Amino acid sequence: MTVVTEEQKVAADKKARRDWYKKIAAQRREEGLKRSFKAGNKRQYIMGVSVPSKRDIMSELRADLININQQCVGEGLPPIFLDEDDQPMPKLPTPVE
């Protein structure tokens, strides 16, 4: 019979929470990339309604991934993505394992 300590429970909860953040980041990234494949290179207007460009979509995706990472770190968990200061400006944050 194995005895699970309180520290092991906390570590398991943190890992599960970080895995959840990784999952929603991966889902958001996939959605954003799919949208960017369909988008044009320039912002367009159809009947007065703005249609976002690839750049608009990727900028939105980048902001979302940074916000997910900040929430993860805010909970005291290890970051999902590296800080931009640690490497040259990437187009998207780099995943950390």
N, C-alpha and C. Protein backbone atom coordinates (compact mmCIF):
# COMPACT_ATOMS: atom_id res chain seq x y z
N MET A 1 0.85 -1.18 0.00
CA MET A 1 0.00 0.00 0.00
C MET A 1 0.90 1.24 0.00
N THR A 2 0.63 2.14 -0.93
CA THR A 2 1.43 3.36 -0.99
C THR A 2 0.74 4.47 -0.24
N VAL A 3 1.55 5.24 0.43
CA VAL A 3 1.05 6.38 1.19
C VAL A 3 1.37 7.64 0.39
N VAL A 4 0.36 8.44 0.13
CA VAL A 4 0.53 9.68 -0.62
C VAL A 4 0.61 10.84 0.38
N THR A 5 1.72 11.54 0.32
CA THR A 5 1.90 12.66 1.24
C THR A 5 1.16 13.89 0.71
N GLU A 6 1.03 14.87 1.58
CA GLU A 6 0.37 16.13 1.20
C GLU A 6 1.15 16.83 0.10
N GLU A 7 2.49 16.76 0.17
CA GLU A 7 3.32 17.38 -0.87
C GLU A 7 3.08 16.72 -2.23
N GLN A 8 2.92 15.42 -2.25
CA GLN A 8 2.66 14.71 -3.50
C GLN A 8 1.30 15.09 -4.07
N LYS A 9 0.32 15.29 -3.18
CA LYS A 9 -1.01 15.72 -3.64
C LYS A 9 -0.94 17.11 -4.26
N VAL A 10 -0.22 18.01 -3.59
CA VAL A 10 -0.08 19.37 -4.10
C VAL A 10 0.65 19.36 -5.44
N ALA A 11 1.71 18.58 -5.53
CA ALA A 11 2.47 18.48 -6.78
C ALA A 11 1.60 17.92 -7.91
N ALA A 12 0.78 16.93 -7.60
CA ALA A 12 -0.11 16.35 -8.60
C ALA A 12 -1.17 17.36 -9.04
N ASP A 13 -1.70 18.14 -8.08
CA ASP A 13 -2.68 19.17 -8.42
C ASP A 13 -2.06 20.24 -9.31
N LYS A 14 -0.82 20.66 -8.99
CA LYS A 14 -0.15 21.67 -9.80
C LYS A 14 0.12 21.15 -11.21
N LYS A 15 0.53 19.90 -11.30
CA LYS A 15 0.80 19.32 -12.62
C LYS A 15 -0.48 19.25 -13.44
N ALA A 16 -1.57 18.85 -12.81
CA ALA A 16 -2.86 18.77 -13.51
C ALA A 16 -3.30 20.16 -13.96
N ARG A 17 -3.11 21.16 -13.11
CA ARG A 17 -3.50 22.53 -13.46
C ARG A 17 -2.65 23.06 -14.61
N ARG A 18 -1.34 22.80 -14.57
CA ARG A 18 -0.45 23.25 -15.64
C ARG A 18 -0.78 22.52 -16.95
N ASP A 19 -1.10 21.24 -16.85
CA ASP A 19 -1.51 20.48 -18.04
C ASP A 19 -2.78 21.06 -18.64
N TRP A 20 -3.69 21.53 -17.79
CA TRP A 20 -4.91 22.16 -18.27
C TRP A 20 -4.57 23.44 -19.04
N TYR A 21 -3.67 24.25 -18.51
CA TYR A 21 -3.24 25.47 -19.22
C TYR A 21 -2.58 25.11 -20.55
N LYS A 22 -1.77 24.08 -20.56
CA LYS A 22 -1.13 23.64 -21.81
C LYS A 22 -2.18 23.20 -22.82
N LYS A 23 -3.21 22.53 -22.35
CA LYS A 23 -4.27 22.05 -23.23
C LYS A 23 -5.03 23.21 -23.86
N ILE A 24 -5.43 24.21 -23.07
CA ILE A 24 -6.18 25.33 -23.65
C ILE A 24 -5.28 26.18 -24.55
N ALA A 25 -3.98 26.27 -24.22
CA ALA A 25 -3.05 26.99 -25.10
C ALA A 25 -2.93 26.27 -26.44
N ALA A 26 -2.84 24.96 -26.42
CA ALA A 26 -2.73 24.18 -27.66
C ALA A 26 -4.01 24.31 -28.49
N GLN A 27 -5.17 24.28 -27.82
CA GLN A 27 -6.44 24.43 -28.54
C GLN A 27 -6.53 25.81 -29.18
N ARG A 28 -6.15 26.83 -28.42
CA ARG A 28 -6.22 28.21 -28.94
C ARG A 28 -5.26 28.39 -30.10
N ARG A 29 -4.08 27.80 -29.98
CA ARG A 29 -3.09 27.91 -31.04
C ARG A 29 -3.59 27.23 -32.32
N GLU A 30 -4.18 26.06 -32.17
CA GLU A 30 -4.72 25.35 -33.34
C GLU A 30 -5.83 26.15 -34.01
N GLU A 31 -6.75 26.71 -33.21
CA GLU A 31 -7.83 27.53 -33.76
C GLU A 31 -7.28 28.74 -34.51
N GLY A 32 -6.32 29.41 -33.90
CA GLY A 32 -5.74 30.60 -34.51
C GLY A 32 -5.02 30.29 -35.80
N LEU A 33 -4.27 29.21 -35.82
CA LEU A 33 -3.56 28.83 -37.03
C LEU A 33 -4.52 28.47 -38.15
N LYS A 34 -5.59 27.76 -37.83
CA LYS A 34 -6.59 27.41 -38.85
C LYS A 34 -7.23 28.67 -39.43
N ARG A 35 -7.55 29.62 -38.56
CA ARG A 35 -8.13 30.88 -39.04
C ARG A 35 -7.15 31.64 -39.91
N SER A 36 -5.87 31.62 -39.55
CA SER A 36 -4.88 32.37 -40.32
C SER A 36 -4.67 31.77 -41.70
N PHE A 37 -4.84 30.46 -41.84
CA PHE A 37 -4.69 29.82 -43.15
C PHE A 37 -5.75 30.32 -44.13
N LYS A 38 -6.92 30.64 -43.62
CA LYS A 38 -8.03 31.08 -44.47
C LYS A 38 -8.02 32.58 -44.72
N ALA A 39 -7.29 33.33 -43.90
CA ALA A 39 -7.32 34.79 -43.98
C ALA A 39 -6.43 35.31 -45.11
N GLY A 40 -6.78 36.49 -45.58
CA GLY A 40 -5.98 37.15 -46.60
C GLY A 40 -4.79 37.87 -45.97
N ASN A 41 -3.88 38.34 -46.82
CA ASN A 41 -2.70 39.04 -46.31
C ASN A 41 -3.03 40.45 -45.86
N LYS A 42 -4.08 41.03 -46.39
CA LYS A 42 -4.47 42.39 -46.03
C LYS A 42 -5.85 42.38 -45.40
N ARG A 43 -6.04 43.33 -44.50
CA ARG A 43 -7.36 43.48 -43.88
C ARG A 43 -8.33 43.93 -44.97
N GLN A 44 -9.50 43.34 -44.96
CA GLN A 44 -10.51 43.68 -45.96
C GLN A 44 -11.78 44.14 -45.27
N TYR A 45 -12.60 44.80 -46.05
CA TYR A 45 -13.91 45.24 -45.56
C TYR A 45 -14.97 44.72 -46.51
N ILE A 46 -15.91 44.00 -45.96
CA ILE A 46 -17.01 43.49 -46.75
C ILE A 46 -18.29 44.11 -46.21
N MET A 47 -18.92 44.92 -47.03
CA MET A 47 -20.14 45.64 -46.64
C MET A 47 -19.93 46.40 -45.33
N GLY A 48 -18.77 47.03 -45.20
CA GLY A 48 -18.47 47.85 -44.03
C GLY A 48 -18.00 47.08 -42.80
N VAL A 49 -17.87 45.77 -42.91
CA VAL A 49 -17.43 44.94 -41.78
C VAL A 49 -15.98 44.53 -42.02
N SER A 50 -15.13 44.75 -41.04
CA SER A 50 -13.72 44.42 -41.15
C SER A 50 -13.50 42.91 -41.10
N VAL A 51 -12.70 42.41 -42.04
CA VAL A 51 -12.31 41.00 -42.06
C VAL A 51 -10.83 40.97 -41.70
N PRO A 52 -10.47 40.33 -40.60
CA PRO A 52 -9.08 40.37 -40.14
C PRO A 52 -8.10 39.71 -41.11
N SER A 53 -6.89 40.26 -41.13
CA SER A 53 -5.82 39.71 -41.96
C SER A 53 -5.07 38.64 -41.18
N LYS A 54 -4.13 37.97 -41.85
CA LYS A 54 -3.28 36.99 -41.18
C LYS A 54 -2.55 37.64 -40.00
N ARG A 55 -2.05 38.84 -40.23
CA ARG A 55 -1.31 39.55 -39.19
C ARG A 55 -2.20 39.84 -37.98
N ASP A 56 -3.43 40.27 -38.23
CA ASP A 56 -4.38 40.54 -37.14
C ASP A 56 -4.63 39.27 -36.32
N ILE A 57 -4.85 38.16 -37.02
CA ILE A 57 -5.15 36.90 -36.34
C ILE A 57 -3.96 36.42 -35.53
N MET A 58 -2.75 36.49 -36.10
CA MET A 58 -1.56 36.02 -35.39
C MET A 58 -1.24 36.93 -34.20
N SER A 59 -1.51 38.21 -34.33
CA SER A 59 -1.31 39.13 -33.22
C SER A 59 -2.27 38.80 -32.07
N GLU A 60 -3.51 38.52 -32.42
CA GLU A 60 -4.52 38.13 -31.42
C GLU A 60 -4.12 36.82 -30.74
N LEU A 61 -3.66 35.86 -31.54
CA LEU A 61 -3.23 34.57 -31.01
C LEU A 61 -2.07 34.74 -30.04
N ARG A 62 -1.10 35.54 -30.43
CA ARG A 62 0.07 35.80 -29.59
C ARG A 62 -0.34 36.40 -28.25
N ALA A 63 -1.24 37.37 -28.29
CA ALA A 63 -1.73 37.99 -27.05
C ALA A 63 -2.45 36.98 -26.16
N ASP A 64 -3.26 36.12 -26.77
CA ASP A 64 -3.98 35.10 -26.01
C ASP A 64 -3.02 34.12 -25.34
N LEU A 65 -1.99 33.68 -26.08
CA LEU A 65 -1.03 32.74 -25.51
C LEU A 65 -0.22 33.37 -24.38
N ILE A 66 0.11 34.63 -24.53
CA ILE A 66 0.83 35.34 -23.46
C ILE A 66 -0.06 35.45 -22.23
N ASN A 67 -1.35 35.75 -22.43
CA ASN A 67 -2.27 35.85 -21.29
C ASN A 67 -2.46 34.51 -20.58
N ILE A 68 -2.55 33.43 -21.34
CA ILE A 68 -2.66 32.10 -20.74
C ILE A 68 -1.41 31.81 -19.90
N ASN A 69 -0.25 32.14 -20.44
CA ASN A 69 1.01 31.92 -19.73
C ASN A 69 1.06 32.75 -18.44
N GLN A 70 0.62 34.00 -18.52
CA GLN A 70 0.62 34.86 -17.33
C GLN A 70 -0.30 34.32 -16.24
N GLN A 71 -1.44 33.78 -16.63
CA GLN A 71 -2.35 33.19 -15.65
C GLN A 71 -1.73 31.97 -15.00
N CYS A 72 -1.03 31.17 -15.79
CA CYS A 72 -0.35 29.98 -15.28
C CYS A 72 0.71 30.38 -14.26
N VAL A 73 1.54 31.34 -14.61
CA VAL A 73 2.61 31.80 -13.71
C VAL A 73 2.00 32.48 -12.48
N GLY A 74 0.89 33.19 -12.69
CA GLY A 74 0.21 33.86 -11.58
C GLY A 74 -0.29 32.89 -10.52
N GLU A 75 -0.54 31.66 -10.90
CA GLU A 75 -0.97 30.63 -9.95
C GLU A 75 0.22 29.94 -9.28
N GLY A 76 1.43 30.42 -9.59
CA GLY A 76 2.62 29.85 -8.98
C GLY A 76 3.12 28.61 -9.69
N LEU A 77 2.68 28.40 -10.91
CA LEU A 77 3.10 27.24 -11.70
C LEU A 77 4.26 27.64 -12.62
N PRO A 78 5.04 26.67 -13.09
CA PRO A 78 6.09 26.99 -14.05
C PRO A 78 5.47 27.51 -15.35
N PRO A 79 6.15 28.41 -16.05
CA PRO A 79 5.58 28.95 -17.28
C PRO A 79 5.43 27.89 -18.36
N ILE A 80 4.45 28.09 -19.22
CA ILE A 80 4.24 27.21 -20.36
C ILE A 80 5.14 27.65 -21.52
N PHE A 81 5.34 28.96 -21.64
CA PHE A 81 6.15 29.54 -22.70
C PHE A 81 7.30 30.33 -22.10
N LEU A 82 8.41 30.40 -22.84
CA LEU A 82 9.55 31.20 -22.41
C LEU A 82 9.23 32.68 -22.56
N ASP A 83 9.85 33.51 -21.72
CA ASP A 83 9.70 34.95 -21.85
C ASP A 83 10.38 35.41 -23.13
N GLU A 84 9.85 36.46 -23.72
CA GLU A 84 10.43 37.00 -24.95
C GLU A 84 11.86 37.50 -24.72
N ASP A 85 12.17 37.95 -23.51
CA ASP A 85 13.50 38.48 -23.22
C ASP A 85 14.56 37.40 -23.24
N ASP A 86 14.17 36.14 -23.13
CA ASP A 86 15.13 35.04 -23.09
C ASP A 86 15.63 34.63 -24.46
N GLN A 87 15.01 35.15 -25.52
CA GLN A 87 15.40 34.78 -26.87
C GLN A 87 14.98 35.89 -27.83
N PRO A 88 15.47 35.87 -29.06
CA PRO A 88 15.04 36.88 -30.03
C PRO A 88 13.53 36.85 -30.22
N MET A 89 12.98 37.95 -30.68
CA MET A 89 11.53 38.07 -30.83
C MET A 89 10.95 36.94 -31.70
N PRO A 90 10.24 35.98 -31.08
CA PRO A 90 9.60 34.94 -31.86
C PRO A 90 8.25 35.43 -32.38
N LYS A 91 7.75 34.78 -33.41
CA LYS A 91 6.42 35.13 -33.90
C LYS A 91 5.35 34.63 -32.93
N LEU A 92 5.62 33.48 -32.30
CA LEU A 92 4.74 32.93 -31.28
C LEU A 92 5.60 32.49 -30.11
N PRO A 93 5.08 32.51 -28.89
CA PRO A 93 5.87 32.02 -27.76
C PRO A 93 6.29 30.58 -27.99
N THR A 94 7.48 30.25 -27.49
CA THR A 94 8.02 28.90 -27.65
C THR A 94 7.57 28.00 -26.51
N PRO A 95 6.97 26.83 -26.81
CA PRO A 95 6.53 25.94 -25.74
C PRO A 95 7.69 25.42 -24.91
N VAL A 96 7.43 25.27 -23.61
CA VAL A 96 8.43 24.73 -22.68
C VAL A 96 7.89 23.40 -22.17
N GLU A 97 8.71 22.41 -22.13
CA GLU A 97 8.28 21.11 -21.59
C GLU A 97 8.73 20.96 -20.17
